[in-house]
């Protein structure tokens, strides 16, 4: 073998060993220096009290319900508690109760806890501009107790248009539609899933609808019609008489005597009055 070839092979081997040394030793050291020169960004956190486990509606809070965690400042909800002692003194210096269900790891907020009185309140569930109005129902008119807090219902009025007690001229009409059930009897827990035979139902209604219910309750009997989940449409609903149900029944519009009932006139112009005209199928304001 020629001397030149041997020298070339030796030089190639030396270069290969040198490259391997640089890759194994020199480059990792340089990379470590570069990484060390770039410090990791520091995330600023704030303490927030969260639920350590699921908390039920109406449950009184204790220390084992809560824990303190650090979360980024930008992710902290407004009004969140920063110490456990703040939460346990929320209700006039005492432990509060939950006004709505709280899930594990969910931040606690004052709006979900009771204040003075230490009791869950239906008033905390009423939406802006709305009212809570209670009507009497039975196990039948209350849809068998299947209308639970949080469900939505229509209210149906059944009345007798006849002045003669020997026979009846019945008419049913929808008074209001798509109203939320706030409570059934004394149960206002929105997580309740146990039907019970009800005697009252508390509904979330507008002021105008509260007036309608007050008048309708004195005209006849009220009952609830339970809506499907997510069904919010308000449908046209004309009054239904016995003639539409049974062939040959007296016609309500012909047999009914139109007797208007009017609330006493008031000198103040700001009071809202409702006029009920029997046989015309609904409540009207004067001038409508």
Protein backbone atom coordinates (compact mmCIF):
# COMPACT_ATOMS: atom_id res chain seq x y z
CA UNK A 1 0.00 0.00 0.00
CA UNK A 2 1.27 3.41 -0.83
CA UNK A 3 2.38 5.72 1.91
CA UNK A 4 0.09 8.50 0.65
CA UNK A 5 -2.99 6.33 0.98
CA UNK A 6 -2.10 5.37 4.53
CA UNK A 7 -1.57 8.99 5.50
CA UNK A 8 -4.96 9.93 3.99
CA UNK A 9 -6.76 7.22 5.90
CA UNK A 10 -5.06 8.25 9.14
CA UNK A 11 -6.02 11.87 8.63
CA UNK A 12 -9.67 10.91 7.97
CA UNK A 13 -9.79 8.84 11.14
CA UNK A 14 -8.33 11.71 13.16
CA UNK A 15 -10.88 14.16 11.76
CA UNK A 16 -13.74 11.76 12.58
CA UNK A 17 -12.57 11.37 16.15
CA UNK A 18 -12.28 15.15 16.46
CA UNK A 19 -15.82 15.69 15.20
CA UNK A 20 -17.14 13.07 17.64
CA UNK A 21 -15.38 14.79 20.52
CA UNK A 22 -16.84 18.16 19.59
CA UNK A 23 -20.35 16.69 19.32
CA UNK A 24 -20.08 14.81 22.64
CA UNK A 25 -18.32 17.38 24.79
CA UNK A 26 -18.03 20.85 23.37
CA UNK A 27 -21.56 21.39 21.92
CA UNK A 28 -23.56 20.23 25.03
CA UNK A 29 -21.52 22.52 27.23
CA UNK A 30 -22.15 25.46 24.91
CA UNK A 31 -25.87 24.63 24.77
CA UNK A 32 -26.09 24.51 28.57
CA UNK A 33 -24.48 27.92 28.81
CA UNK A 34 -27.03 29.34 26.33
CA UNK A 35 -29.96 27.86 28.25
CA UNK A 36 -28.66 29.13 31.54
CA UNK A 37 -28.29 32.58 30.08
CA UNK A 38 -32.07 32.76 29.30
CA UNK A 39 -34.07 32.66 32.59
CA UNK A 40 -37.62 31.21 32.55
CA UNK A 41 -40.42 33.78 32.79
CA UNK A 42 -41.90 34.15 36.28
CA UNK A 43 -45.71 33.90 36.41
CA UNK A 44 -47.26 36.19 39.01
CA UNK A 45 -49.92 34.34 41.06
CA UNK A 46 -52.52 35.37 43.63
CA UNK A 47 -54.21 33.28 46.34
CA UNK A 48 -57.82 32.28 45.63
CA UNK A 49 -60.13 30.15 47.78
CA UNK A 50 -61.71 27.27 45.83
CA UNK A 51 -63.96 24.38 46.77
CA UNK A 52 -62.02 21.35 47.93
CA UNK A 53 -64.99 19.13 47.00
CA UNK A 54 -68.49 19.45 45.57
CA UNK A 55 -70.72 21.64 47.77
CA UNK A 56 -74.49 21.12 47.65
CA UNK A 57 -77.17 23.79 47.64
CA UNK A 58 -78.01 24.84 51.22
CA UNK A 59 -74.94 23.13 52.73
CA UNK A 60 -73.18 25.06 55.51
CA UNK A 61 -69.48 25.54 54.74
CA UNK A 62 -66.66 24.31 56.96
CA UNK A 63 -62.87 24.45 56.67
CA UNK A 64 -62.71 21.03 54.99
CA UNK A 65 -64.88 22.33 52.14
CA UNK A 66 -62.22 24.87 51.15
CA UNK A 67 -58.62 25.12 50.03
CA UNK A 68 -56.29 27.93 48.96
CA UNK A 69 -54.59 27.79 45.55
CA UNK A 70 -52.33 30.10 43.55
CA UNK A 71 -53.62 31.08 40.12
CA UNK A 72 -52.37 33.66 37.58
CA UNK A 73 -53.50 37.16 38.46
CA UNK A 74 -55.25 37.60 35.11
CA UNK A 75 -57.28 34.40 35.67
CA UNK A 76 -58.54 35.29 39.16
CA UNK A 77 -62.29 36.10 39.09
CA UNK A 78 -63.37 39.47 40.43
CA UNK A 79 -64.57 39.32 44.03
CA UNK A 80 -62.89 35.99 44.81
CA UNK A 81 -61.90 35.33 48.42
CA UNK A 82 -58.16 35.36 49.19
CA UNK A 83 -58.25 33.63 52.59
CA UNK A 84 -60.30 30.78 54.06
CA UNK A 85 -61.08 32.87 57.14
CA UNK A 86 -62.84 35.41 54.91
CA UNK A 87 -65.18 32.74 53.63
CA UNK A 88 -65.95 31.27 57.06
CA UNK A 89 -66.87 34.76 58.34
CA UNK A 90 -68.98 35.72 55.31
CA UNK A 91 -72.37 35.27 56.99
CA UNK A 92 -72.30 38.08 59.58
CA UNK A 93 -69.15 36.66 61.14
CA UNK A 94 -70.21 33.03 60.84
CA UNK A 95 -69.97 30.23 58.29
CA UNK A 96 -72.27 30.76 55.29
CA UNK A 97 -74.39 28.29 53.36
CA UNK A 98 -74.27 27.73 49.61
CA UNK A 99 -77.02 29.46 47.64
CA UNK A 100 -76.23 27.36 44.56
CA UNK A 101 -74.25 24.18 43.89
CA UNK A 102 -70.46 24.71 43.79
CA UNK A 103 -68.20 22.24 42.01
CA UNK A 104 -64.80 21.06 43.25
CA UNK A 105 -61.96 23.47 42.33
CA UNK A 106 -64.49 26.22 41.53
CA UNK A 107 -63.57 29.65 43.01
CA UNK A 108 -65.94 30.78 45.76
CA UNK A 109 -67.72 34.10 45.17
CA UNK A 110 -69.88 36.17 47.57
CA UNK A 111 -72.88 35.90 45.24
CA UNK A 112 -72.98 32.12 45.77
CA UNK A 113 -72.93 32.31 49.57
CA UNK A 114 -75.48 33.47 52.12
CA UNK A 115 -75.20 36.75 53.96
CA UNK A 116 -77.04 37.68 57.16
CA UNK A 117 -79.59 35.06 58.12
CA UNK A 118 -77.52 31.99 57.24
CA UNK A 119 -80.18 30.39 55.05
CA UNK A 120 -80.67 29.73 51.35
CA UNK A 121 -83.05 32.31 49.89
CA UNK A 122 -85.34 32.21 46.87
CA UNK A 123 -84.76 35.98 46.58
CA UNK A 124 -81.17 35.28 45.51
CA UNK A 125 -82.45 33.28 42.52
CA UNK A 126 -84.81 35.94 41.11
CA UNK A 127 -83.57 37.58 37.91
CA UNK A 128 -83.34 41.37 37.43
CA UNK A 129 -86.75 43.00 37.05
CA UNK A 130 -88.60 39.78 37.89
CA UNK A 131 -90.78 38.72 40.84
CA UNK A 132 -91.54 35.50 42.69
CA UNK A 133 -95.26 34.66 42.68
CA UNK A 134 -96.83 31.61 44.31
CA UNK A 135 -99.96 29.82 43.12
CA UNK A 136 -101.84 26.93 44.66
CA UNK A 137 -101.60 23.58 42.87
CA UNK A 138 -102.35 19.94 43.58
CA UNK A 139 -100.71 16.68 42.61
CA UNK A 140 -102.71 16.82 39.37
CA UNK A 141 -102.59 20.53 38.50
CA UNK A 142 -98.92 20.58 39.51
CA UNK A 143 -98.05 17.94 36.84
CA UNK A 144 -97.72 15.22 39.44
CA UNK A 145 -94.89 17.02 41.23
CA UNK A 146 -92.60 16.61 38.21
CA UNK A 147 -92.16 20.39 37.83
CA UNK A 148 -89.00 20.97 39.86
CA UNK A 149 -87.02 24.14 40.64
CA UNK A 150 -85.31 25.32 37.45
CA UNK A 151 -87.91 23.79 35.09
CA UNK A 152 -90.12 25.96 32.86
CA UNK A 153 -93.89 25.77 32.67
CA UNK A 154 -97.01 27.34 31.15
CA UNK A 155 -99.91 28.34 33.41
CA UNK A 156 -103.40 27.31 32.23
CA UNK A 157 -106.67 28.76 33.57
CA UNK A 158 -109.85 26.68 33.66
CA UNK A 159 -113.08 28.61 34.35
CA UNK A 160 -116.85 28.27 34.08
CA UNK A 161 -118.49 30.95 31.92
CA UNK A 162 -122.05 30.03 32.88
CA UNK A 163 -124.18 31.91 35.43
CA UNK A 164 -126.45 28.91 35.73
CA UNK A 165 -125.28 26.35 38.26
CA UNK A 166 -127.32 23.59 36.61
CA UNK A 167 -124.83 23.27 33.78
CA UNK A 168 -121.29 24.39 33.05
CA UNK A 169 -119.73 26.15 30.10
CA UNK A 170 -116.03 25.45 30.58
CA UNK A 171 -113.20 27.26 28.89
CA UNK A 172 -109.43 26.79 29.20
CA UNK A 173 -106.87 29.37 28.21
CA UNK A 174 -103.15 29.87 28.65
CA UNK A 175 -102.44 32.78 30.99
CA UNK A 176 -98.62 32.94 30.68
CA UNK A 177 -95.99 30.83 28.97
CA UNK A 178 -92.39 29.80 29.53
CA UNK A 179 -91.92 30.86 33.16
CA UNK A 180 -89.26 29.42 35.45
CA UNK A 181 -90.15 27.43 38.55
CA UNK A 182 -88.30 28.87 41.55
CA UNK A 183 -89.64 26.50 44.14
CA UNK A 184 -92.18 23.77 44.85
CA UNK A 185 -93.63 24.03 48.36
CA UNK A 186 -90.53 24.79 50.47
CA UNK A 187 -88.09 23.12 48.07
CA UNK A 188 -86.00 25.68 46.17
CA UNK A 189 -83.00 23.43 45.46
CA UNK A 190 -82.25 23.59 41.68
CA UNK A 191 -80.43 20.23 41.92
CA UNK A 192 -83.45 18.44 43.38
CA UNK A 193 -84.61 15.48 41.29
CA UNK A 194 -87.20 13.90 43.58
CA UNK A 195 -90.82 14.57 42.53
CA UNK A 196 -93.23 15.22 45.41
CA UNK A 197 -96.97 15.93 45.60
CA UNK A 198 -97.00 19.76 45.63
CA UNK A 199 -99.46 22.19 47.22
CA UNK A 200 -97.83 25.41 45.95
CA UNK A 201 -95.54 26.42 43.10
CA UNK A 202 -93.45 29.62 43.15
CA UNK A 203 -92.83 31.04 39.68
CA UNK A 204 -90.45 33.73 38.37
CA UNK A 205 -92.65 36.24 36.52
CA UNK A 206 -92.74 39.88 35.46
CA UNK A 207 -94.83 42.40 37.39
CA UNK A 208 -97.45 42.32 34.62
CA UNK A 209 -97.64 38.52 34.73
CA UNK A 210 -97.98 38.62 38.52
CA UNK A 211 -101.07 40.78 38.02
CA UNK A 212 -102.46 38.31 35.50
CA UNK A 213 -102.00 35.41 37.91
CA UNK A 214 -103.66 37.31 40.75
CA UNK A 215 -106.77 37.94 38.64
CA UNK A 216 -106.80 34.48 37.05
CA UNK A 217 -106.67 32.75 40.44
CA UNK A 218 -110.03 34.37 41.29
CA UNK A 219 -111.64 33.46 37.96
CA UNK A 220 -111.09 29.72 38.13
CA UNK A 221 -108.49 27.05 38.81
CA UNK A 222 -104.86 27.25 37.67
CA UNK A 223 -102.70 24.35 36.56
CA UNK A 224 -99.17 23.91 35.23
CA UNK A 225 -98.05 22.48 31.89
CA UNK A 226 -94.42 21.33 32.01
CA UNK A 227 -92.18 22.33 29.08
CA UNK A 228 -89.40 20.25 27.54
CA UNK A 229 -85.84 21.26 28.35
CA UNK A 230 -84.67 24.03 26.05
CA UNK A 231 -88.15 24.75 24.68
CA UNK A 232 -88.63 28.52 24.99
CA UNK A 233 -91.06 29.31 22.16
CA UNK A 234 -94.18 31.30 23.02
CA UNK A 235 -96.94 29.84 20.84
CA UNK A 236 -100.33 31.38 19.94
CA UNK A 237 -102.93 29.68 22.12
CA UNK A 238 -106.60 30.54 21.60
CA UNK A 239 -109.07 29.69 24.39
CA UNK A 240 -110.55 26.20 24.14
CA UNK A 241 -114.18 25.50 25.10
CA UNK A 242 -116.14 22.32 25.65
CA UNK A 243 -117.44 22.43 22.05
CA UNK A 244 -113.88 21.89 20.75
CA UNK A 245 -113.58 18.83 22.98
CA UNK A 246 -117.08 17.26 22.95
CA UNK A 247 -119.42 17.41 19.96
CA UNK A 248 -122.78 18.94 20.85
CA UNK A 249 -121.59 20.86 23.91
CA UNK A 250 -122.97 24.40 24.32
CA UNK A 251 -120.98 27.04 22.48
CA UNK A 252 -119.13 29.10 25.06
CA UNK A 253 -119.14 32.33 23.10
CA UNK A 254 -122.93 32.22 22.51
CA UNK A 255 -124.03 31.04 25.95
CA UNK A 256 -121.68 33.18 28.05
CA UNK A 257 -122.99 36.40 29.45
CA UNK A 258 -120.46 39.17 28.96
CA UNK A 259 -120.01 40.65 32.40
CA UNK A 260 -117.04 43.00 32.70
CA UNK A 261 -115.22 43.18 36.00
CA UNK A 262 -113.20 46.31 36.58
CA UNK A 263 -110.89 47.23 39.38
CA UNK A 264 -111.81 50.37 41.36
CA UNK A 265 -110.67 53.54 39.66
CA UNK A 266 -107.72 55.30 41.21
CA UNK A 267 -106.93 58.98 41.16
CA UNK A 268 -103.26 58.23 40.55
CA UNK A 269 -102.30 57.67 36.94
CA UNK A 270 -99.26 55.50 37.73
CA UNK A 271 -101.24 52.46 38.97
CA UNK A 272 -101.61 49.57 36.56
CA UNK A 273 -105.16 48.19 36.32
CA UNK A 274 -106.28 44.95 34.69
CA UNK A 275 -109.78 44.45 33.32
CA UNK A 276 -111.18 40.92 32.97
CA UNK A 277 -114.05 40.49 30.49
CA UNK A 278 -115.67 37.08 30.83
CA UNK A 279 -116.39 35.43 27.51
CA UNK A 280 -113.74 37.43 25.65
CA UNK A 281 -110.94 35.07 26.55
CA UNK A 282 -108.38 37.11 28.37
CA UNK A 283 -107.22 40.06 30.47
CA UNK A 284 -107.10 43.50 28.98
CA UNK A 285 -105.86 46.87 30.01
CA UNK A 286 -108.36 49.72 29.62
CA UNK A 287 -108.03 51.10 26.11
CA UNK A 288 -106.59 47.89 24.62
